[in-house]
Amino acid sequence: MKRKLNILVACEESQAVCKAFRKLGHNAYSCDLLDCSGEHPEWHFNHDVTKVLDQSDLTLQNGEKAKIKGDWDIMIGHPPCTYLAVSGARWYYHPDDAGLPVEQRRPHPRFPNRAQDREDGAAFFMLLASANVKRIAIENPIGIMSKRWRKPDQSIQPYMFGDPFSKNTSLWLKNLRPLHPSKETDDHGERIVFKSGKTQPKWYSDALSKAKTTEERRTLRSKTFPGIARAIAEQWTIQIAFEENLLDKKELKFLGKDYDKLDRSNPKELAEVERREQELINFWLNK
């Protein structure tokens, strides 16, 4: 490639997506109020993401300053979903008021500030979604933003990208193509069946039972599976490089002259897209 891409992954202490882009040689950085657990503080901003977005404060966790040439090429955001996901709706209102209209319900006695927390969460979601970055992806589970803002562009599962687990995740995209399945597996992972008949992925149940604090539960619940991180880095690197004319002749040869004309809704042509992309990725990784 003619230059490295500048990648910002917001609200990511795990550095899963950051490291996937770094593996391809790009200037990728994670950002979170928490210190990173991905063991690369030299790639992590542990402060206000707004100051990273406008590059007014590029101080890294290790105390050094990141050197960014030009604008961010892409921002991937993982805003906290605790107050936005539909799974937490039961904690907003008093359990005795279930039959009343929403406007007449009292706050939940254990969580009296949930309504304001939800508004703050929605505002932060939109802050990331409306950032001054050419290409943006916002990741979150099914929640209120589908009604508050707009429906997501795509819903994905870990097994679509080779990880044998289930976790429905929505993506809101700006100037990015939806991810296509890559190294998909038929194994969707084991599920726990409760007495009520409801089921839950075993990995999720195990994670919650092992967590000792609320913060640990949040971190485990919001994990990005490695196959998804890989697909994000690979597919969007290729898209940006192709659209910005950053590929040299040898790299373009892997994709073919008709690459941008292949119909991704056609399974046969999508398989050809995946084959060509993986050949280019292997070329990069083996350089």
Protein backbone atom coordinates (compact mmCIF):
# COMPACT_ATOMS: atom_id res chain seq x y z
CA MET A 1 0.00 0.00 0.00
CA LYS A 2 1.09 3.54 -0.74
CA ARG A 3 0.52 4.63 2.87
CA LYS A 4 -0.65 3.26 6.20
CA LEU A 5 -4.21 3.94 7.32
CA ASN A 6 -5.03 5.93 10.47
CA ILE A 7 -7.49 3.88 12.53
CA LEU A 8 -9.25 4.86 15.75
CA VAL A 9 -11.19 2.26 17.73
CA ALA A 10 -13.26 4.05 20.36
CA CYS A 11 -14.39 2.45 23.63
CA GLU A 12 -12.09 -0.53 23.24
CA GLU A 13 -9.90 -1.43 26.20
CA SER A 14 -9.42 -5.01 24.92
CA GLN A 15 -7.64 -3.75 21.76
CA ALA A 16 -9.04 -6.68 19.74
CA VAL A 17 -9.88 -4.59 16.65
CA CYS A 18 -6.87 -2.33 17.13
CA LYS A 19 -4.50 -5.31 17.09
CA ALA A 20 -6.21 -6.78 14.00
CA PHE A 21 -5.46 -3.56 12.08
CA ARG A 22 -1.93 -3.43 13.52
CA LYS A 23 -1.35 -6.95 12.21
CA LEU A 24 -1.89 -5.53 8.73
CA GLY A 25 0.64 -2.78 9.38
CA HIS A 26 -1.63 0.23 10.01
CA ASN A 27 -1.49 3.12 12.49
CA ALA A 28 -4.30 1.78 14.66
CA TYR A 29 -5.11 3.06 18.14
CA SER A 30 -7.67 2.10 20.76
CA CYS A 31 -9.30 4.59 23.12
CA ASP A 32 -11.16 4.07 26.39
CA LEU A 33 -11.40 5.72 29.80
CA LEU A 34 -10.07 2.42 31.15
CA ASP A 35 -6.45 1.37 30.77
CA CYS A 36 -6.02 -1.24 28.05
CA SER A 37 -6.04 -4.96 28.81
CA GLY A 38 -4.61 -5.78 25.38
CA GLU A 39 -1.05 -5.25 26.63
CA HIS A 40 -0.16 -2.44 24.23
CA PRO A 41 -0.34 0.88 26.11
CA GLU A 42 1.76 2.39 23.32
CA TRP A 43 -1.32 2.03 21.09
CA HIS A 44 -3.92 3.17 23.62
CA PHE A 45 -5.46 6.52 24.58
CA ASN A 46 -6.96 6.31 28.09
CA HIS A 47 -8.82 9.62 28.08
CA ASP A 48 -11.60 11.63 26.42
CA VAL A 49 -12.28 10.32 22.91
CA THR A 50 -13.39 13.75 21.66
CA LYS A 51 -9.83 15.04 22.11
CA VAL A 52 -8.51 12.07 20.17
CA LEU A 53 -11.01 12.55 17.38
CA ASP A 54 -9.96 16.17 16.82
CA GLN A 55 -6.32 15.27 17.60
CA SER A 56 -6.05 17.99 20.26
CA ASP A 57 -4.64 15.52 22.80
CA LEU A 58 -2.84 12.45 21.47
CA THR A 59 -1.21 11.44 24.76
CA LEU A 60 -1.01 7.67 24.98
CA GLN A 61 -1.35 5.50 28.08
CA ASN A 62 2.45 5.13 28.22
CA GLY A 63 2.85 8.92 28.35
CA GLU A 64 4.16 9.36 24.82
CA LYS A 65 2.45 11.31 22.03
CA ALA A 66 0.99 9.47 19.05
CA LYS A 67 2.17 10.74 15.67
CA ILE A 68 -0.75 10.89 13.25
CA LYS A 69 -0.16 12.19 9.73
CA GLY A 70 -3.43 13.46 8.29
CA ASP A 71 -6.99 12.69 9.36
CA TRP A 72 -8.47 9.51 10.75
CA ASP A 73 -9.37 7.24 7.81
CA ILE A 74 -11.94 5.31 9.84
CA MET A 75 -13.38 5.27 13.35
CA ILE A 76 -14.94 2.12 14.80
CA GLY A 77 -16.98 2.87 17.92
CA HIS A 78 -18.17 0.48 20.63
CA PRO A 79 -20.26 2.81 22.84
CA PRO A 80 -21.37 1.29 26.17
CA CYS A 81 -24.61 -0.63 25.67
CA THR A 82 -25.67 -1.04 29.33
CA TYR A 83 -28.38 1.62 29.12
CA LEU A 84 -29.20 1.23 25.42
CA ALA A 85 -29.77 -2.52 24.97
CA VAL A 86 -33.30 -3.92 25.10
CA SER A 87 -32.06 -6.59 27.50
CA GLY A 88 -31.83 -3.96 30.25
CA ALA A 89 -35.31 -2.49 29.78
CA ARG A 90 -36.73 -4.24 32.86
CA TRP A 91 -34.50 -2.13 35.11
CA TYR A 92 -35.95 1.23 34.05
CA TYR A 93 -39.31 1.13 35.80
CA HIS A 94 -40.79 -0.01 39.09
CA PRO A 95 -41.74 -3.72 38.81
CA ASP A 96 -45.19 -2.98 40.28
CA ASP A 97 -45.98 -0.54 37.44
CA ALA A 98 -45.73 -2.98 34.53
CA GLY A 99 -49.39 -2.50 33.55
CA LEU A 100 -49.27 1.29 33.51
CA PRO A 101 -48.52 3.60 30.56
CA VAL A 102 -44.82 4.44 30.36
CA GLU A 103 -45.36 8.07 31.37
CA GLN A 104 -47.04 6.93 34.61
CA ARG A 105 -44.41 4.43 35.70
CA ARG A 106 -42.08 5.16 38.60
CA PRO A 107 -38.30 4.69 38.37
CA HIS A 108 -36.94 1.33 39.43
CA PRO A 109 -36.21 1.52 43.20
CA ARG A 110 -32.74 0.00 42.73
CA PHE A 111 -31.80 2.18 39.76
CA PRO A 112 -33.57 5.55 40.12
CA ASN A 113 -31.25 7.31 37.62
CA ARG A 114 -31.63 4.85 34.75
CA ALA A 115 -33.67 7.25 32.62
CA GLN A 116 -30.92 9.88 32.70
CA ASP A 117 -28.27 7.21 32.19
CA ARG A 118 -30.13 6.14 29.05
CA GLU A 119 -30.24 9.71 27.72
CA ASP A 120 -26.53 10.16 28.40
CA GLY A 121 -25.79 6.85 26.66
CA ALA A 122 -27.85 7.80 23.60
CA ALA A 123 -26.10 11.19 23.41
CA PHE A 124 -22.66 9.55 23.50
CA PHE A 125 -23.72 7.04 20.83
CA MET A 126 -24.71 9.94 18.58
CA LEU A 127 -21.51 11.84 19.38
CA LEU A 128 -19.54 8.95 17.91
CA ALA A 129 -21.95 8.37 15.02
CA SER A 130 -21.78 12.03 13.97
CA ALA A 131 -18.01 12.43 14.36
CA ASN A 132 -16.11 14.29 11.64
CA VAL A 133 -14.56 11.15 10.18
CA LYS A 134 -15.09 10.01 6.59
CA ARG A 135 -15.88 6.38 7.44
CA ILE A 136 -17.56 5.27 10.66
CA ALA A 137 -18.82 1.99 12.09
CA ILE A 138 -20.79 1.91 15.34
CA GLU A 139 -21.27 -1.48 17.02
CA ASN A 140 -24.00 -2.21 19.58
CA PRO A 141 -26.53 -4.93 20.40
CA ILE A 142 -30.21 -4.54 19.58
CA GLY A 143 -31.42 -1.51 21.49
CA ILE A 144 -33.21 1.80 21.54
CA MET A 145 -31.04 3.48 18.90
CA SER A 146 -32.85 1.57 16.16
CA LYS A 147 -35.88 3.75 17.00
CA ARG A 148 -34.13 6.82 18.34
CA TRP A 149 -31.94 7.22 15.28
CA ARG A 150 -32.27 4.61 12.53
CA LYS A 151 -32.14 0.89 11.99
CA PRO A 152 -28.66 -0.65 11.74
CA ASP A 153 -27.18 -1.40 8.34
CA GLN A 154 -26.28 -4.95 9.32
CA SER A 155 -26.52 -7.58 12.05
CA ILE A 156 -23.68 -10.07 12.39
CA GLN A 157 -22.81 -13.17 14.41
CA PRO A 158 -19.37 -14.53 15.47
CA TYR A 159 -19.97 -17.80 13.59
CA MET A 160 -20.17 -15.84 10.32
CA PHE A 161 -16.44 -15.17 10.74
CA GLY A 162 -15.19 -18.51 12.04
CA ASP A 163 -15.84 -18.26 15.78
CA PRO A 164 -18.21 -21.02 17.06
CA PHE A 165 -20.35 -18.71 19.20
CA SER A 166 -23.58 -16.70 19.04
CA LYS A 167 -23.85 -13.00 19.84
CA ASN A 168 -26.15 -10.87 17.71
CA THR A 169 -24.42 -7.57 17.01
CA SER A 170 -25.68 -4.59 15.03
CA LEU A 171 -23.58 -2.27 12.90
CA TRP A 172 -24.42 1.28 11.86
CA LEU A 173 -22.20 2.22 8.92
CA LYS A 174 -21.11 5.44 7.22
CA ASN A 175 -19.34 5.03 3.86
CA LEU A 176 -18.49 1.41 4.64
CA ARG A 177 -19.71 -1.78 3.02
CA PRO A 178 -21.49 -4.35 5.21
CA LEU A 179 -19.15 -7.14 6.25
CA HIS A 180 -19.53 -10.35 4.28
CA PRO A 181 -19.12 -13.79 5.90
CA SER A 182 -15.51 -14.94 6.00
CA LYS A 183 -14.38 -18.42 7.08
CA GLU A 184 -17.94 -19.09 8.30
CA THR A 185 -18.61 -22.09 10.53
CA ASP A 186 -21.81 -24.12 11.03
CA ASP A 187 -21.02 -24.42 14.74
CA HIS A 188 -23.05 -21.71 16.53
CA GLY A 189 -21.92 -22.71 20.02
CA GLU A 190 -23.53 -24.44 22.97
CA ARG A 191 -26.58 -22.86 24.66
CA ILE A 192 -27.87 -23.07 28.22
CA VAL A 193 -31.59 -23.86 28.59
CA PHE A 194 -33.35 -22.37 31.62
CA LYS A 195 -36.47 -23.72 33.36
CA SER A 196 -38.51 -20.95 31.76
CA GLY A 197 -37.58 -22.32 28.33
CA LYS A 198 -35.38 -19.35 27.50
CA THR A 199 -31.86 -20.03 26.26
CA GLN A 200 -28.56 -18.22 26.50
CA PRO A 201 -25.17 -18.82 24.86
CA LYS A 202 -22.97 -20.85 27.22
CA TRP A 203 -19.99 -18.53 26.74
CA TYR A 204 -22.15 -15.62 27.92
CA SER A 205 -23.52 -17.49 30.92
CA ASP A 206 -20.02 -18.63 31.90
CA ALA A 207 -18.65 -15.10 31.55
CA LEU A 208 -21.31 -13.63 33.82
CA SER A 209 -20.83 -16.32 36.47
CA LYS A 210 -17.05 -15.82 36.51
CA ALA A 211 -17.18 -12.02 36.73
CA LYS A 212 -16.64 -10.68 40.25
CA THR A 213 -17.60 -7.04 39.63
CA THR A 214 -20.04 -5.05 37.51
CA GLU A 215 -17.08 -3.71 35.52
CA GLU A 216 -15.86 -7.25 34.77
CA ARG A 217 -19.34 -8.27 33.60
CA ARG A 218 -19.51 -5.26 31.29
CA THR A 219 -16.10 -6.04 29.82
CA LEU A 220 -16.81 -9.74 29.29
CA ARG A 221 -20.27 -9.08 27.88
CA SER A 222 -18.96 -6.58 25.34
CA LYS A 223 -16.03 -8.64 24.07
CA THR A 224 -15.24 -8.58 20.35
CA PHE A 225 -14.63 -12.05 18.95
CA PRO A 226 -11.34 -12.45 17.03
CA GLY A 227 -13.03 -13.46 13.76
CA ILE A 228 -15.12 -10.29 13.74
CA ALA A 229 -12.06 -8.17 14.55
CA ARG A 230 -10.18 -9.86 11.71
CA ALA A 231 -12.99 -9.32 9.20
CA ILE A 232 -13.34 -5.65 10.17
CA ALA A 233 -9.63 -5.04 9.66
CA GLU A 234 -9.29 -7.04 6.46
CA GLN A 235 -12.44 -6.05 4.60
CA TRP A 236 -12.46 -2.36 5.45
CA THR A 237 -8.73 -1.99 4.84
CA ILE A 238 -9.27 -3.38 1.34
CA GLN A 239 -12.30 -1.18 0.73
CA ILE A 240 -10.52 2.01 1.80
CA ALA A 241 -7.31 1.13 -0.05
CA PHE A 242 -9.26 0.34 -3.23
CA GLU A 243 -11.42 3.47 -3.08
CA GLU A 244 -8.52 5.79 -2.18
CA ASN A 245 -6.23 4.35 -4.88
CA LEU A 246 -3.69 3.17 -2.31
CA LEU A 247 -2.97 -0.24 -3.84
CA ASP A 248 0.01 -0.80 -6.11
CA LYS A 249 -0.20 -2.80 -9.34
CA LYS A 250 0.77 -6.08 -7.69
CA GLU A 251 -1.87 -5.66 -4.99
CA LEU A 252 -4.54 -4.70 -7.52
CA LYS A 253 -3.75 -7.84 -9.50
CA PHE A 254 -4.92 -10.00 -6.59
CA LEU A 255 -8.33 -8.29 -6.63
CA GLY A 256 -8.76 -8.26 -10.41
CA LYS A 257 -10.05 -5.59 -12.75
CA ASP A 258 -13.69 -6.54 -12.11
CA TYR A 259 -13.41 -6.61 -8.29
CA ASP A 260 -15.70 -3.62 -7.70
CA LYS A 261 -18.27 -5.00 -10.14
CA LEU A 262 -18.75 -8.39 -8.46
CA ASP A 263 -22.24 -8.85 -7.05
CA ARG A 264 -21.92 -9.51 -3.31
CA SER A 265 -25.57 -10.57 -3.12
CA ASN A 266 -24.74 -13.50 -5.42
CA PRO A 267 -23.27 -16.38 -3.34
CA LYS A 268 -20.97 -17.52 -6.15
CA GLU A 269 -19.59 -14.05 -6.80
CA LEU A 270 -19.32 -13.35 -3.06
CA ALA A 271 -17.19 -16.49 -2.70
CA GLU A 272 -14.95 -15.11 -5.45
CA VAL A 273 -14.67 -11.78 -3.57
CA GLU A 274 -13.63 -13.67 -0.43
CA ARG A 275 -11.07 -15.76 -2.34
CA ARG A 276 -9.41 -12.74 -3.91
CA GLU A 277 -9.41 -10.74 -0.68
CA GLN A 278 -7.81 -13.59 1.25
CA GLU A 279 -5.08 -13.90 -1.38
CA LEU A 280 -4.30 -10.21 -0.93
CA ILE A 281 -4.38 -10.52 2.87
CA ASN A 282 -2.00 -13.50 2.73
CA PHE A 283 0.32 -11.48 0.51
CA TRP A 284 0.39 -8.66 3.07
CA LEU A 285 0.92 -11.00 6.02
CA ASN A 286 3.77 -12.84 4.32
CA LYS A 287 5.68 -9.75 3.17
